[in-house]
Amino acid sequence: MTTLITGASRGIGHALFTHYQNASETVIGTSRKAAPGLVTLDVTDAAGQRAFGQTLESLDLLICNAGVFPDRGQKLDDGYAPALWMDGFNTNVVGVFLTIQSLLPALRRAQGKIAIISSQMASDTKASGGSYIYRASKAAALNLGRNLATDLKSQGIAVGIYHPGWVQTDMGGTHADITEAQSANGLAARFAALSLATTGCFETWDGQAHPF
């Protein structure tokens, strides 16, 4: 089994990379900046994505994890500059689409699975205000995943969208609920359970169905 994880240099992506390594599975990780043992790839670079996609013969599991949180420190009255919106959507939405698009041939050959790391903040049931760019971009990623699930089901490719939990990362902070390893272990179990019967699901790291 071959698994590819974007954004594998830190946080949840790195924990997932370690999880699959420890399971003695073939795992490929990417990072926007050069990092030991990882493929250097900017998910927003369409040409780079296409070139990388051509190097893979088949792919069993694609985990679209790369993401940014540009909202920190922004104020409603004078913050959230257009460049921040562009960066957030380019990475969190366009980057997900380009990654999937470039790897579709390899996924088709293996009838693989696609896992998109979104967030509970994508749900309109969690509209507690603030973090506008992150919330909007993760909601778009959720919508993207749901529509891809519809289009790819007939090709034997299942798509799941996941909330990784409130995790003790640079983004989540030290007071978050769970460790990176706990999130990675739970997510890996969700990915293993994903099938065409459950394609389009939006689930939490511990297996709960999340409202859209």
N, C-alpha and C. Protein backbone atom coordinates (compact mmCIF):
# COMPACT_ATOMS: atom_id res chain seq x y z
N MET A 1 0.85 -1.20 0.00
CA MET A 1 0.00 0.00 0.00
C MET A 1 0.88 1.24 0.00
N THR A 2 0.59 2.18 -0.88
CA THR A 2 1.33 3.43 -0.97
C THR A 2 0.43 4.59 -0.55
N THR A 3 0.92 5.37 0.39
CA THR A 3 0.19 6.53 0.91
C THR A 3 0.99 7.79 0.65
N LEU A 4 0.32 8.86 0.25
CA LEU A 4 0.97 10.15 0.05
C LEU A 4 0.29 11.19 0.94
N ILE A 5 1.10 11.95 1.65
CA ILE A 5 0.59 12.96 2.58
C ILE A 5 1.19 14.31 2.22
N THR A 6 0.35 15.30 1.94
CA THR A 6 0.86 16.65 1.72
C THR A 6 0.99 17.36 3.07
N GLY A 7 1.94 18.29 3.13
CA GLY A 7 2.14 19.03 4.37
C GLY A 7 2.64 18.12 5.48
N ALA A 8 3.65 17.30 5.18
CA ALA A 8 4.10 16.27 6.13
C ALA A 8 5.29 16.70 6.98
N SER A 9 5.66 17.95 6.92
CA SER A 9 6.87 18.38 7.65
C SER A 9 6.59 18.71 9.11
N ARG A 10 5.33 18.91 9.46
CA ARG A 10 5.04 19.30 10.84
C ARG A 10 3.60 18.93 11.19
N GLY A 11 3.27 19.07 12.45
CA GLY A 11 1.90 18.91 12.92
C GLY A 11 1.29 17.56 12.61
N ILE A 12 0.02 17.59 12.26
CA ILE A 12 -0.73 16.36 11.99
C ILE A 12 -0.14 15.61 10.80
N GLY A 13 0.30 16.34 9.79
CA GLY A 13 0.88 15.68 8.62
C GLY A 13 2.11 14.88 8.98
N HIS A 14 2.96 15.44 9.81
CA HIS A 14 4.16 14.71 10.23
C HIS A 14 3.79 13.51 11.09
N ALA A 15 2.79 13.68 11.97
CA ALA A 15 2.35 12.56 12.81
C ALA A 15 1.78 11.43 11.96
N LEU A 16 1.04 11.77 10.92
CA LEU A 16 0.53 10.74 10.01
C LEU A 16 1.66 10.06 9.26
N PHE A 17 2.63 10.84 8.82
CA PHE A 17 3.79 10.28 8.12
C PHE A 17 4.50 9.27 9.02
N THR A 18 4.71 9.64 10.27
CA THR A 18 5.35 8.75 11.24
C THR A 18 4.51 7.51 11.49
N HIS A 19 3.20 7.68 11.58
CA HIS A 19 2.30 6.55 11.80
C HIS A 19 2.46 5.49 10.71
N TYR A 20 2.44 5.91 9.47
CA TYR A 20 2.54 4.95 8.37
C TYR A 20 3.95 4.38 8.24
N GLN A 21 4.95 5.17 8.57
CA GLN A 21 6.32 4.65 8.60
C GLN A 21 6.44 3.54 9.64
N ASN A 22 5.89 3.77 10.82
CA ASN A 22 5.96 2.79 11.89
C ASN A 22 5.19 1.52 11.56
N ALA A 23 4.21 1.65 10.66
CA ALA A 23 3.44 0.49 10.23
C ALA A 23 4.12 -0.24 9.08
N SER A 24 5.34 0.22 8.75
CA SER A 24 6.15 -0.40 7.67
C SER A 24 5.43 -0.35 6.33
N GLU A 25 4.66 0.72 6.10
CA GLU A 25 4.00 0.90 4.81
C GLU A 25 4.80 1.90 3.97
N THR A 26 4.59 1.88 2.67
CA THR A 26 5.24 2.84 1.79
C THR A 26 4.52 4.18 1.92
N VAL A 27 5.22 5.18 2.38
CA VAL A 27 4.61 6.50 2.59
C VAL A 27 5.50 7.56 1.99
N ILE A 28 4.88 8.48 1.28
CA ILE A 28 5.55 9.62 0.66
C ILE A 28 4.99 10.88 1.30
N GLY A 29 5.86 11.75 1.74
CA GLY A 29 5.42 13.02 2.31
C GLY A 29 5.93 14.19 1.50
N THR A 30 5.15 15.24 1.43
CA THR A 30 5.59 16.45 0.73
C THR A 30 5.64 17.62 1.69
N SER A 31 6.45 18.60 1.33
CA SER A 31 6.60 19.80 2.13
C SER A 31 6.88 20.97 1.20
N ARG A 32 6.33 22.13 1.51
CA ARG A 32 6.57 23.31 0.68
C ARG A 32 8.04 23.73 0.71
N LYS A 33 8.67 23.57 1.90
CA LYS A 33 10.08 23.87 2.04
C LYS A 33 10.86 22.55 2.16
N ALA A 34 12.11 22.58 1.72
CA ALA A 34 12.93 21.37 1.77
C ALA A 34 13.01 20.83 3.19
N ALA A 35 12.79 19.52 3.32
CA ALA A 35 12.85 18.86 4.62
C ALA A 35 13.36 17.44 4.41
N PRO A 36 14.18 16.94 5.35
CA PRO A 36 14.76 15.60 5.19
C PRO A 36 13.69 14.53 5.01
N GLY A 37 13.88 13.68 4.00
CA GLY A 37 12.99 12.55 3.78
C GLY A 37 11.70 12.88 3.09
N LEU A 38 11.48 14.15 2.74
CA LEU A 38 10.23 14.58 2.11
C LEU A 38 10.48 15.12 0.71
N VAL A 39 9.45 15.07 -0.11
CA VAL A 39 9.49 15.64 -1.45
C VAL A 39 9.15 17.13 -1.35
N THR A 40 9.97 17.98 -1.90
CA THR A 40 9.68 19.41 -1.89
C THR A 40 8.63 19.71 -2.95
N LEU A 41 7.47 20.17 -2.51
CA LEU A 41 6.36 20.44 -3.44
C LEU A 41 5.44 21.49 -2.85
N ASP A 42 5.24 22.56 -3.58
CA ASP A 42 4.26 23.58 -3.21
C ASP A 42 2.93 23.17 -3.83
N VAL A 43 1.93 22.91 -3.00
CA VAL A 43 0.66 22.39 -3.52
C VAL A 43 -0.05 23.40 -4.41
N THR A 44 0.34 24.67 -4.36
CA THR A 44 -0.29 25.67 -5.21
C THR A 44 0.39 25.82 -6.57
N ASP A 45 1.46 25.07 -6.79
CA ASP A 45 2.24 25.13 -8.04
C ASP A 45 1.69 24.08 -9.01
N ALA A 46 0.86 24.51 -9.96
CA ALA A 46 0.20 23.57 -10.87
C ALA A 46 1.22 22.79 -11.70
N ALA A 47 2.23 23.45 -12.22
CA ALA A 47 3.22 22.76 -13.04
C ALA A 47 4.01 21.74 -12.22
N GLY A 48 4.38 22.13 -11.03
CA GLY A 48 5.09 21.21 -10.14
C GLY A 48 4.24 20.02 -9.77
N GLN A 49 2.96 20.27 -9.55
CA GLN A 49 2.04 19.17 -9.23
C GLN A 49 1.95 18.19 -10.39
N ARG A 50 1.79 18.70 -11.59
CA ARG A 50 1.68 17.82 -12.77
C ARG A 50 2.95 16.97 -12.94
N ALA A 51 4.09 17.62 -12.79
CA ALA A 51 5.36 16.89 -12.95
C ALA A 51 5.50 15.81 -11.89
N PHE A 52 5.13 16.12 -10.67
CA PHE A 52 5.23 15.14 -9.60
C PHE A 52 4.25 13.99 -9.82
N GLY A 53 3.04 14.31 -10.25
CA GLY A 53 2.04 13.28 -10.49
C GLY A 53 2.49 12.25 -11.50
N GLN A 54 3.28 12.67 -12.46
CA GLN A 54 3.75 11.76 -13.50
C GLN A 54 4.81 10.78 -13.00
N THR A 55 5.33 11.01 -11.79
CA THR A 55 6.35 10.11 -11.25
C THR A 55 5.74 8.93 -10.51
N LEU A 56 4.44 8.95 -10.25
CA LEU A 56 3.79 7.89 -9.47
C LEU A 56 3.01 6.95 -10.38
N GLU A 57 3.26 5.69 -10.25
CA GLU A 57 2.56 4.70 -11.05
C GLU A 57 1.16 4.45 -10.49
N SER A 58 1.08 4.24 -9.19
CA SER A 58 -0.22 4.01 -8.56
C SER A 58 -0.19 4.55 -7.14
N LEU A 59 -1.38 4.85 -6.61
CA LEU A 59 -1.49 5.45 -5.28
C LEU A 59 -2.75 4.91 -4.60
N ASP A 60 -2.56 4.33 -3.42
CA ASP A 60 -3.68 3.73 -2.70
C ASP A 60 -4.43 4.73 -1.82
N LEU A 61 -3.69 5.66 -1.24
CA LEU A 61 -4.31 6.64 -0.33
C LEU A 61 -3.62 7.98 -0.48
N LEU A 62 -4.41 9.00 -0.78
CA LEU A 62 -3.93 10.38 -0.83
C LEU A 62 -4.54 11.14 0.34
N ILE A 63 -3.69 11.72 1.16
CA ILE A 63 -4.14 12.52 2.30
C ILE A 63 -3.79 13.97 2.02
N CYS A 64 -4.81 14.78 1.74
CA CYS A 64 -4.62 16.20 1.48
C CYS A 64 -4.64 16.94 2.81
N ASN A 65 -3.46 17.15 3.36
CA ASN A 65 -3.34 17.72 4.71
C ASN A 65 -2.77 19.14 4.71
N ALA A 66 -1.99 19.51 3.69
CA ALA A 66 -1.33 20.81 3.68
C ALA A 66 -2.35 21.93 3.86
N GLY A 67 -2.06 22.84 4.77
CA GLY A 67 -3.00 23.93 5.01
C GLY A 67 -2.33 25.06 5.76
N VAL A 68 -2.96 26.23 5.72
CA VAL A 68 -2.45 27.40 6.43
C VAL A 68 -3.58 28.04 7.22
N PHE A 69 -3.18 28.79 8.25
CA PHE A 69 -4.13 29.53 9.09
C PHE A 69 -3.66 30.98 9.14
N PRO A 70 -4.10 31.79 8.16
CA PRO A 70 -3.57 33.16 8.05
C PRO A 70 -4.29 34.18 8.94
N ASP A 71 -5.25 33.73 9.75
CA ASP A 71 -6.11 34.67 10.47
C ASP A 71 -5.52 35.21 11.77
N ARG A 72 -4.50 34.55 12.28
CA ARG A 72 -4.01 34.89 13.61
C ARG A 72 -3.63 36.37 13.72
N GLY A 73 -4.21 37.04 14.72
CA GLY A 73 -3.91 38.45 14.98
C GLY A 73 -4.70 39.43 14.14
N GLN A 74 -5.58 38.93 13.27
CA GLN A 74 -6.34 39.83 12.39
C GLN A 74 -7.57 40.39 13.10
N LYS A 75 -7.89 41.64 12.82
CA LYS A 75 -9.05 42.30 13.41
C LYS A 75 -10.07 42.62 12.32
N LEU A 76 -11.33 42.51 12.66
CA LEU A 76 -12.40 42.68 11.67
C LEU A 76 -12.36 44.06 11.02
N ASP A 77 -12.08 45.09 11.80
CA ASP A 77 -12.18 46.45 11.27
C ASP A 77 -11.08 46.82 10.28
N ASP A 78 -9.88 46.28 10.47
CA ASP A 78 -8.79 46.73 9.60
C ASP A 78 -7.86 45.59 9.18
N GLY A 79 -8.22 44.35 9.44
CA GLY A 79 -7.37 43.22 9.08
C GLY A 79 -7.89 42.46 7.88
N TYR A 80 -7.43 41.23 7.76
CA TYR A 80 -7.87 40.33 6.68
C TYR A 80 -7.62 40.94 5.29
N ALA A 81 -6.39 41.31 5.05
CA ALA A 81 -6.02 41.90 3.75
C ALA A 81 -6.25 40.88 2.64
N PRO A 82 -6.53 41.37 1.42
CA PRO A 82 -6.79 40.47 0.30
C PRO A 82 -5.70 39.42 0.11
N ALA A 83 -4.44 39.78 0.34
CA ALA A 83 -3.35 38.81 0.15
C ALA A 83 -3.50 37.62 1.10
N LEU A 84 -4.02 37.87 2.29
CA LEU A 84 -4.23 36.77 3.24
C LEU A 84 -5.34 35.83 2.75
N TRP A 85 -6.39 36.41 2.20
CA TRP A 85 -7.46 35.59 1.63
C TRP A 85 -6.93 34.73 0.48
N MET A 86 -6.11 35.35 -0.37
CA MET A 86 -5.58 34.61 -1.51
C MET A 86 -4.68 33.47 -1.05
N ASP A 87 -3.84 33.72 -0.06
CA ASP A 87 -2.95 32.69 0.45
C ASP A 87 -3.76 31.55 1.08
N GLY A 88 -4.77 31.91 1.87
CA GLY A 88 -5.59 30.90 2.52
C GLY A 88 -6.32 30.02 1.54
N PHE A 89 -6.97 30.61 0.56
CA PHE A 89 -7.73 29.82 -0.40
C PHE A 89 -6.82 29.09 -1.38
N ASN A 90 -5.69 29.70 -1.76
CA ASN A 90 -4.77 29.03 -2.67
C ASN A 90 -4.26 27.72 -2.07
N THR A 91 -3.91 27.76 -0.79
CA THR A 91 -3.38 26.55 -0.15
C THR A 91 -4.49 25.59 0.26
N ASN A 92 -5.50 26.09 0.96
CA ASN A 92 -6.51 25.23 1.58
C ASN A 92 -7.55 24.69 0.62
N VAL A 93 -7.71 25.33 -0.54
CA VAL A 93 -8.73 24.89 -1.50
C VAL A 93 -8.10 24.55 -2.85
N VAL A 94 -7.48 25.54 -3.49
CA VAL A 94 -6.88 25.30 -4.80
C VAL A 94 -5.80 24.23 -4.69
N GLY A 95 -4.99 24.29 -3.65
CA GLY A 95 -3.95 23.29 -3.46
C GLY A 95 -4.49 21.89 -3.34
N VAL A 96 -5.61 21.74 -2.65
CA VAL A 96 -6.25 20.43 -2.53
C VAL A 96 -6.70 19.94 -3.91
N PHE A 97 -7.35 20.82 -4.66
CA PHE A 97 -7.84 20.43 -5.98
C PHE A 97 -6.69 20.06 -6.91
N LEU A 98 -5.64 20.88 -6.95
CA LEU A 98 -4.51 20.60 -7.83
C LEU A 98 -3.83 19.28 -7.47
N THR A 99 -3.72 19.00 -6.18
CA THR A 99 -3.11 17.75 -5.73
C THR A 99 -3.92 16.56 -6.24
N ILE A 100 -5.22 16.61 -6.03
CA ILE A 100 -6.08 15.51 -6.46
C ILE A 100 -6.05 15.37 -7.98
N GLN A 101 -6.15 16.49 -8.67
CA GLN A 101 -6.16 16.48 -10.14
C GLN A 101 -4.88 15.84 -10.69
N SER A 102 -3.75 16.20 -10.13
CA SER A 102 -2.47 15.70 -10.64
C SER A 102 -2.27 14.22 -10.34
N LEU A 103 -2.90 13.73 -9.28
CA LEU A 103 -2.70 12.34 -8.86
C LEU A 103 -3.84 11.42 -9.26
N LEU A 104 -4.81 11.93 -9.98
CA LEU A 104 -5.94 11.08 -10.39
C LEU A 104 -5.51 9.86 -11.20
N PRO A 105 -4.59 9.99 -12.17
CA PRO A 105 -4.19 8.78 -12.91
C PRO A 105 -3.66 7.68 -11.99
N ALA A 106 -2.81 8.05 -11.02
CA ALA A 106 -2.26 7.06 -10.09
C ALA A 106 -3.35 6.50 -9.18
N LEU A 107 -4.28 7.33 -8.76
CA LEU A 107 -5.39 6.88 -7.92
C LEU A 107 -6.32 5.95 -8.69
N ARG A 108 -6.56 6.27 -9.95
CA ARG A 108 -7.44 5.42 -10.77
C ARG A 108 -6.83 4.03 -10.96
N ARG A 109 -5.53 3.98 -11.16
CA ARG A 109 -4.89 2.68 -11.39
C ARG A 109 -4.99 1.78 -10.17
N ALA A 110 -5.02 2.39 -8.99
CA ALA A 110 -5.10 1.60 -7.76
C ALA A 110 -6.51 1.55 -7.18
N GLN A 111 -7.45 2.29 -7.81
CA GLN A 111 -8.77 2.50 -7.21
C GLN A 111 -8.58 2.92 -5.75
N GLY A 112 -7.79 3.97 -5.60
CA GLY A 112 -7.40 4.43 -4.28
C GLY A 112 -8.46 5.27 -3.59
N LYS A 113 -8.07 5.82 -2.44
CA LYS A 113 -8.94 6.66 -1.62
C LYS A 113 -8.33 8.05 -1.48
N ILE A 114 -9.20 9.02 -1.24
CA ILE A 114 -8.77 10.40 -1.00
C ILE A 114 -9.31 10.85 0.35
N ALA A 115 -8.42 11.35 1.20
CA ALA A 115 -8.82 11.91 2.49
C ALA A 115 -8.46 13.39 2.51
N ILE A 116 -9.44 14.24 2.77
CA ILE A 116 -9.22 15.69 2.83
C ILE A 116 -9.34 16.13 4.28
N ILE A 117 -8.27 16.73 4.80
CA ILE A 117 -8.31 17.24 6.16
C ILE A 117 -8.95 18.62 6.14
N SER A 118 -10.15 18.71 6.66
CA SER A 118 -10.86 19.99 6.76
C SER A 118 -10.85 20.39 8.24
N SER A 119 -11.99 20.73 8.79
CA SER A 119 -12.08 21.13 10.19
C SER A 119 -13.54 21.24 10.58
N GLN A 120 -13.81 21.09 11.87
CA GLN A 120 -15.17 21.33 12.33
C GLN A 120 -15.57 22.80 12.10
N MET A 121 -14.57 23.66 11.95
CA MET A 121 -14.83 25.07 11.67
C MET A 121 -15.40 25.29 10.28
N ALA A 122 -15.41 24.23 9.45
CA ALA A 122 -16.04 24.32 8.13
C ALA A 122 -17.55 24.23 8.21
N SER A 123 -18.05 23.71 9.32
CA SER A 123 -19.49 23.47 9.47
C SER A 123 -20.22 24.73 9.89
N ASP A 124 -21.40 24.97 9.32
CA ASP A 124 -22.16 26.14 9.74
C ASP A 124 -22.78 25.95 11.12
N THR A 125 -22.63 24.74 11.69
CA THR A 125 -23.08 24.52 13.06
C THR A 125 -22.04 25.00 14.07
N LYS A 126 -20.87 25.40 13.58
CA LYS A 126 -19.79 25.87 14.45
C LYS A 126 -19.42 27.32 14.14
N ALA A 127 -20.44 28.12 13.82
CA ALA A 127 -20.20 29.51 13.43
C ALA A 127 -20.10 30.39 14.67
N SER A 128 -18.97 30.31 15.36
CA SER A 128 -18.79 31.07 16.59
C SER A 128 -18.06 32.39 16.36
N GLY A 129 -17.84 32.74 15.09
CA GLY A 129 -17.24 34.03 14.75
C GLY A 129 -15.73 33.96 14.63
N GLY A 130 -15.17 34.97 13.95
CA GLY A 130 -13.72 35.08 13.79
C GLY A 130 -13.15 34.05 12.82
N SER A 131 -11.84 34.10 12.64
CA SER A 131 -11.11 33.18 11.77
C SER A 131 -11.80 33.03 10.42
N TYR A 132 -12.14 34.14 9.82
CA TYR A 132 -12.98 34.13 8.62
C TYR A 132 -12.34 33.42 7.43
N ILE A 133 -11.05 33.65 7.23
CA ILE A 133 -10.38 33.03 6.08
C ILE A 133 -10.30 31.52 6.27
N TYR A 134 -9.87 31.10 7.45
CA TYR A 134 -9.73 29.67 7.72
C TYR A 134 -11.08 28.97 7.64
N ARG A 135 -12.09 29.54 8.27
CA ARG A 135 -13.43 28.93 8.25
C ARG A 135 -13.95 28.82 6.81
N ALA A 136 -13.85 29.90 6.06
CA ALA A 136 -14.39 29.91 4.70
C ALA A 136 -13.64 28.94 3.80
N SER A 137 -12.31 28.91 3.94
CA SER A 137 -11.53 28.02 3.08
C SER A 137 -11.76 26.55 3.44
N LYS A 138 -11.89 26.24 4.71
CA LYS A 138 -12.15 24.86 5.10
C LYS A 138 -13.57 24.43 4.73
N ALA A 139 -14.50 25.38 4.75
CA ALA A 139 -15.85 25.07 4.26
C ALA A 139 -15.82 24.77 2.77
N ALA A 140 -15.01 25.53 2.03
CA ALA A 140 -14.87 25.28 0.59
C ALA A 140 -14.22 23.92 0.34
N ALA A 141 -13.24 23.55 1.16
CA ALA A 141 -12.60 22.23 1.02
C ALA A 141 -13.59 21.12 1.30
N LEU A 142 -14.46 21.33 2.27
CA LEU A 142 -15.51 20.35 2.56
C LEU A 142 -16.45 20.20 1.37
N ASN A 143 -16.87 21.31 0.81
CA ASN A 143 -17.75 21.27 -0.35
C ASN A 143 -17.06 20.61 -1.54
N LEU A 144 -15.79 20.92 -1.74
CA LEU A 144 -15.02 20.31 -2.81
C LEU A 144 -14.99 18.80 -2.66
N GLY A 145 -14.72 18.34 -1.45
CA GLY A 145 -14.66 16.91 -1.21
C GLY A 145 -15.98 16.21 -1.45
N ARG A 146 -17.06 16.84 -1.04
CA ARG A 146 -18.39 16.25 -1.23
C ARG A 146 -18.70 16.09 -2.72
N ASN A 147 -18.36 17.08 -3.51
CA ASN A 147 -18.64 17.01 -4.95
C ASN A 147 -17.70 16.04 -5.66
N LEU A 148 -16.44 15.98 -5.23
CA LEU A 148 -15.53 15.00 -5.80
C LEU A 148 -16.00 13.58 -5.50
N ALA A 149 -16.56 13.38 -4.32
CA ALA A 149 -17.07 12.05 -3.96
C ALA A 149 -18.16 11.62 -4.94
N THR A 150 -19.00 12.56 -5.33
CA THR A 150 -20.05 12.25 -6.29
C THR A 150 -19.46 11.88 -7.65
N ASP A 151 -18.50 12.66 -8.12
CA ASP A 151 -17.95 12.46 -9.46
C ASP A 151 -17.04 11.24 -9.56
N LEU A 152 -16.36 10.89 -8.47
CA LEU A 152 -15.37 9.82 -8.52
C LEU A 152 -15.90 8.46 -8.07
N LYS A 153 -17.09 8.43 -7.55
CA LYS A 153 -17.63 7.15 -7.05
C LYS A 153 -17.70 6.11 -8.15
N SER A 154 -18.15 6.53 -9.34
CA SER A 154 -18.29 5.58 -10.44
C SER A 154 -16.94 5.07 -10.93
N GLN A 155 -15.85 5.77 -10.55
CA GLN A 155 -14.50 5.34 -10.93
C GLN A 155 -13.83 4.50 -9.85
N GLY A 156 -14.59 4.20 -8.81
CA GLY A 156 -14.07 3.35 -7.74
C GLY A 156 -13.20 4.06 -6.72
N ILE A 157 -13.24 5.40 -6.71
CA ILE A 157 -12.42 6.19 -5.79
C ILE A 157 -13.32 6.82 -4.72
N ALA A 158 -13.07 6.45 -3.47
CA ALA A 158 -13.83 7.00 -2.35
C ALA A 158 -13.15 8.26 -1.81
N VAL A 159 -13.95 9.23 -1.37
CA VAL A 159 -13.45 10.49 -0.84
C VAL A 159 -14.06 10.73 0.53
N GLY A 160 -13.24 11.00 1.52
CA GLY A 160 -13.72 11.34 2.85
C GLY A 160 -13.16 12.68 3.29
N ILE A 161 -13.92 13.39 4.10
CA ILE A 161 -13.49 14.68 4.64
C ILE A 161 -13.49 14.56 6.16
N TYR A 162 -12.45 15.11 6.81
CA TYR A 162 -12.23 14.81 8.22
C TYR A 162 -11.86 16.03 9.06
N HIS A 163 -12.40 16.04 10.28
CA HIS A 163 -11.98 16.99 11.31
C HIS A 163 -10.95 16.28 12.19
N PRO A 164 -9.71 16.79 12.25
CA PRO A 164 -8.65 16.07 12.96
C PRO A 164 -8.69 16.20 14.47
N GLY A 165 -9.65 16.96 14.99
CA GLY A 165 -9.69 17.25 16.41
C GLY A 165 -8.97 18.54 16.72
N TRP A 166 -9.11 18.97 17.98
CA TRP A 166 -8.34 20.14 18.44
C TRP A 166 -7.01 19.59 18.95
N VAL A 167 -5.96 19.79 18.14
CA VAL A 167 -4.71 19.06 18.32
C VAL A 167 -3.61 20.00 18.83
N GLN A 168 -2.74 19.45 19.65
CA GLN A 168 -1.63 20.20 20.24
C GLN A 168 -0.52 20.40 19.21
N THR A 169 -0.77 21.33 18.29
CA THR A 169 0.19 21.69 17.26
C THR A 169 0.48 23.19 17.37
N ASP A 170 1.32 23.70 16.46
CA ASP A 170 1.56 25.14 16.43
C ASP A 170 0.25 25.89 16.20
N MET A 171 -0.62 25.30 15.38
CA MET A 171 -1.90 25.93 15.07
C MET A 171 -2.88 25.78 16.22
N GLY A 172 -2.95 24.58 16.80
CA GLY A 172 -3.94 24.31 17.85
C GLY A 172 -3.56 24.82 19.22
N GLY A 173 -2.26 24.96 19.48
CA GLY A 173 -1.81 25.45 20.76
C GLY A 173 -1.60 24.33 21.78
N THR A 174 -0.93 24.67 22.86
CA THR A 174 -0.57 23.66 23.87
C THR A 174 -1.74 23.23 24.73
N HIS A 175 -2.82 23.99 24.73
CA HIS A 175 -3.98 23.65 25.57
C HIS A 175 -5.03 22.83 24.81
N ALA A 176 -4.72 22.41 23.61
CA ALA A 176 -5.67 21.63 22.81
C ALA A 176 -5.96 20.28 23.47
N ASP A 177 -7.00 19.62 22.97
CA ASP A 177 -7.53 18.42 23.64
C ASP A 177 -6.66 17.18 23.47
N ILE A 178 -6.08 16.98 22.29
CA ILE A 178 -5.41 15.72 22.00
C ILE A 178 -4.03 15.95 21.40
N THR A 179 -3.20 14.92 21.47
CA THR A 179 -1.86 15.00 20.91
C THR A 179 -1.89 14.73 19.41
N GLU A 180 -0.80 15.05 18.75
CA GLU A 180 -0.68 14.76 17.32
C GLU A 180 -0.81 13.26 17.06
N ALA A 181 -0.19 12.45 17.91
CA ALA A 181 -0.24 10.99 17.73
C ALA A 181 -1.66 10.46 17.88
N GLN A 182 -2.41 10.98 18.85
CA GLN A 182 -3.80 10.55 19.02
C GLN A 182 -4.63 10.88 17.78
N SER A 183 -4.45 12.08 17.27
CA SER A 183 -5.17 12.49 16.06
C SER A 183 -4.79 11.60 14.88
N ALA A 184 -3.49 11.37 14.71
CA ALA A 184 -3.02 10.57 13.57
C ALA A 184 -3.54 9.14 13.65
N ASN A 185 -3.50 8.54 14.82
CA ASN A 185 -3.99 7.17 14.98
C ASN A 185 -5.48 7.07 14.67
N GLY A 186 -6.24 8.05 15.17
CA GLY A 186 -7.68 8.05 14.91
C GLY A 186 -7.99 8.28 13.44
N LEU A 187 -7.30 9.22 12.84
CA LEU A 187 -7.52 9.51 11.42
C LEU A 187 -7.17 8.31 10.55
N ALA A 188 -6.06 7.65 10.86
CA ALA A 188 -5.66 6.48 10.07
C ALA A 188 -6.74 5.40 10.12
N ALA A 189 -7.38 5.24 11.27
CA ALA A 189 -8.47 4.27 11.37
C ALA A 189 -9.66 4.69 10.53
N ARG A 190 -9.93 5.98 10.47
CA ARG A 190 -11.02 6.49 9.63
C ARG A 190 -10.72 6.24 8.16
N PHE A 191 -9.49 6.51 7.75
CA PHE A 191 -9.11 6.31 6.35
C PHE A 191 -9.24 4.84 5.95
N ALA A 192 -8.84 3.96 6.87
CA ALA A 192 -8.92 2.52 6.58
C ALA A 192 -10.37 2.08 6.41
N ALA A 193 -11.28 2.72 7.15
CA ALA A 193 -12.70 2.36 7.09
C ALA A 193 -13.42 2.98 5.91
N LEU A 194 -12.83 4.00 5.28
CA LEU A 194 -13.47 4.68 4.16
C LEU A 194 -13.70 3.71 3.00
N SER A 195 -14.88 3.76 2.43
CA SER A 195 -15.21 2.90 1.29
C SER A 195 -16.18 3.63 0.38
N LEU A 196 -16.51 3.02 -0.73
CA LEU A 196 -17.50 3.62 -1.63
C LEU A 196 -18.85 3.74 -0.96
N ALA A 197 -19.11 2.88 0.03
CA ALA A 197 -20.38 2.95 0.75
C ALA A 197 -20.46 4.20 1.64
N THR A 198 -19.30 4.72 2.06
CA THR A 198 -19.29 5.88 2.95
C THR A 198 -18.69 7.12 2.29
N THR A 199 -18.43 7.04 0.98
CA THR A 199 -17.81 8.17 0.31
C THR A 199 -18.64 9.44 0.48
N GLY A 200 -17.94 10.57 0.64
CA GLY A 200 -18.61 11.84 0.90
C GLY A 200 -18.83 12.13 2.36
N CYS A 201 -18.36 11.22 3.24
CA CYS A 201 -18.57 11.40 4.68
C CYS A 201 -17.78 12.60 5.20
N PHE A 202 -18.29 13.19 6.27
CA PHE A 202 -17.58 14.22 7.03
C PHE A 202 -17.53 13.71 8.46
N GLU A 203 -16.35 13.27 8.90
CA GLU A 203 -16.22 12.61 10.18
C GLU A 203 -15.13 13.25 11.04
N THR A 204 -15.26 13.05 12.35
CA THR A 204 -14.23 13.49 13.27
C THR A 204 -13.15 12.42 13.38
N TRP A 205 -12.05 12.78 13.95
CA TRP A 205 -10.90 11.88 14.08
C TRP A 205 -11.24 10.60 14.85
N ASP A 206 -12.25 10.68 15.73
CA ASP A 206 -12.61 9.51 16.54
C ASP A 206 -13.85 8.80 16.03
N GLY A 207 -14.23 9.07 14.78
CA GLY A 207 -15.26 8.26 14.13
C GLY A 207 -16.68 8.75 14.27
N GLN A 208 -16.87 9.98 14.70
CA GLN A 208 -18.22 10.53 14.82
C GLN A 208 -18.60 11.25 13.52
N ALA A 209 -19.82 11.04 13.08
CA ALA A 209 -20.31 11.79 11.93
C ALA A 209 -20.47 13.26 12.33
N HIS A 210 -19.91 14.15 11.53
CA HIS A 210 -19.98 15.58 11.85
C HIS A 210 -21.06 16.23 10.99
N PRO A 211 -21.91 17.07 11.58
CA PRO A 211 -22.90 17.78 10.77
C PRO A 211 -22.22 18.73 9.79
N PHE A 212 -22.85 18.85 8.60
CA PHE A 212 -22.28 19.70 7.58
C PHE A 212 -22.59 21.17 7.86
